Structure formats: structure tokens, C-alpha cells
Amino acid sequence: IFTLTAYTQYENPPVKTATGTVPEPGRTVAVDPDEIPLGSIVHIEGLGERIAEDSGGKIKGKMLDVFLPTMKHCIHFGVKQRGVEIVIR
């Protein structure tokens, strides 16, 4: 079981992820690379598949930060506990 939070950004141009991509809702999650290798495809219970494209200083251990389009979406998302499986490493 992982703890899920959400993040967004307002930078123009967008700040690239740890893997060099531009984050996209429905695709990007930030992970602890010691827990889930960057570039992995993960299946998140209730959300589906995402790509571990980013990392962050506050993302430690069994945590994921889901990229969403706006702060309003992030606030509505809140904090969730979900099962997470690595589909492709």
C-alpha cells in the first residue's frame, strides 16, 4: 500500500521531470527511485497505469505524487492509500 498525493505546476515553459519529460496528467507520477525505478510503468489501484517520470525531495519510501492539471484537482484528490504494482521496470 502506497500513500498518494498530487502535484501540479504553473511554470511556462514547464519544468521538466527527473527523466527529462514534460509532466502530463494521466501519465506522470513522482516516485522515490529507491522504491520504484524511474521509467517504470506502474498500475495504481483505482487510477490505472502511470509512468514513474519524476522524483521529489518529499517523496520517500512508499509514496507517489500524481501529476494533475490544476491545484483545484490536487486539493480535490487529497491523500489516498492505494495498492501499486510495477508493471514494467
Protein backbone atom coordinates (compact mmCIF):
# COMPACT_ATOMS: atom_id res chain seq x y z
CA ILE A 1 0.00 0.00 0.00
CA PHE A 2 1.33 3.42 -1.02
CA THR A 3 0.36 6.91 0.12
CA LEU A 4 -0.74 9.01 -2.86
CA THR A 5 -0.68 12.80 -3.04
CA ALA A 6 -0.92 15.08 -6.06
CA TYR A 7 1.08 17.92 -7.60
CA THR A 8 0.88 20.35 -10.48
CA GLN A 9 2.94 23.22 -11.88
CA TYR A 10 2.35 26.63 -13.40
CA GLU A 11 5.76 27.29 -14.92
CA ASN A 12 5.95 28.48 -18.51
CA PRO A 13 7.78 26.78 -20.07
CA PRO A 14 7.04 23.76 -17.85
CA VAL A 15 9.77 22.40 -15.61
CA LYS A 16 10.87 19.02 -16.93
CA THR A 17 10.70 15.88 -14.83
CA ALA A 18 13.66 13.92 -13.49
CA THR A 19 13.55 11.84 -16.69
CA GLY A 20 13.51 14.92 -18.95
CA THR A 21 9.85 14.80 -19.98
CA VAL A 22 7.19 17.48 -19.61
CA PRO A 23 4.76 16.16 -16.97
CA GLU A 24 1.26 15.28 -18.17
CA PRO A 25 -1.93 14.47 -16.27
CA GLY A 26 -2.93 10.84 -16.73
CA ARG A 27 0.68 9.83 -17.35
CA THR A 28 3.21 11.25 -14.87
CA VAL A 29 3.84 10.23 -11.27
CA ALA A 30 6.72 11.17 -8.99
CA VAL A 31 8.31 8.33 -7.05
CA ASP A 32 11.16 7.52 -4.72
CA PRO A 33 13.64 5.93 -7.19
CA ASP A 34 14.89 3.65 -4.38
CA GLU A 35 11.37 2.18 -4.24
CA ILE A 36 10.29 2.34 -7.91
CA PRO A 37 12.89 2.85 -10.66
CA LEU A 38 12.40 5.94 -12.84
CA GLY A 39 10.87 4.99 -16.19
CA SER A 40 8.81 2.15 -14.72
CA ILE A 41 5.17 1.75 -15.64
CA VAL A 42 3.07 1.29 -12.53
CA HIS A 43 -0.54 0.26 -12.04
CA ILE A 44 -2.27 2.28 -9.31
CA GLU A 45 -5.41 0.77 -7.84
CA GLY A 46 -8.38 2.87 -8.96
CA LEU A 47 -6.31 5.12 -11.27
CA GLY A 48 -4.75 2.77 -13.81
CA GLU A 49 -1.30 2.91 -15.35
CA ARG A 50 1.13 5.78 -14.99
CA ILE A 51 4.83 6.29 -15.74
CA ALA A 52 7.36 6.96 -12.97
CA GLU A 53 8.84 10.04 -14.64
CA ASP A 54 9.64 12.29 -11.71
CA SER A 55 11.05 12.29 -8.20
CA GLY A 56 10.96 14.80 -5.40
CA GLY A 57 12.59 15.56 -2.08
CA LYS A 58 9.38 14.88 -0.18
CA ILE A 59 8.65 11.60 -1.96
CA LYS A 60 10.26 8.96 0.26
CA GLY A 61 9.51 5.27 0.58
CA LYS A 62 6.06 4.02 -0.34
CA MET A 63 4.75 7.35 -1.63
CA LEU A 64 3.62 8.51 -5.07
CA ASP A 65 2.84 12.04 -6.22
CA VAL A 66 0.31 12.01 -9.08
CA PHE A 67 0.59 14.86 -11.60
CA LEU A 68 -2.76 16.66 -12.09
CA PRO A 69 -3.68 19.65 -14.30
CA THR A 70 -4.58 22.23 -11.63
CA MET A 71 -4.26 22.99 -7.92
CA LYS A 72 -8.04 22.59 -7.65
CA HIS A 73 -7.67 19.00 -8.90
CA CYS A 74 -4.83 18.40 -6.42
CA ILE A 75 -6.87 19.67 -3.46
CA HIS A 76 -9.85 17.53 -4.52
CA PHE A 77 -7.55 14.49 -4.86
CA GLY A 78 -6.30 14.83 -1.28
CA VAL A 79 -4.33 11.95 0.22
CA LYS A 80 -5.17 8.36 -0.62
CA GLN A 81 -3.91 4.89 0.29
CA ARG A 82 -3.77 2.58 -2.74
CA GLY A 83 -2.15 -0.60 -3.94
CA VAL A 84 0.62 -0.03 -6.50
CA GLU A 85 2.26 -2.63 -8.75
CA ILE A 86 5.21 -2.24 -11.08
CA VAL A 87 4.02 -3.45 -14.49
CA ILE A 88 7.24 -2.80 -16.45
CA ARG A 89 10.58 -1.89 -14.92
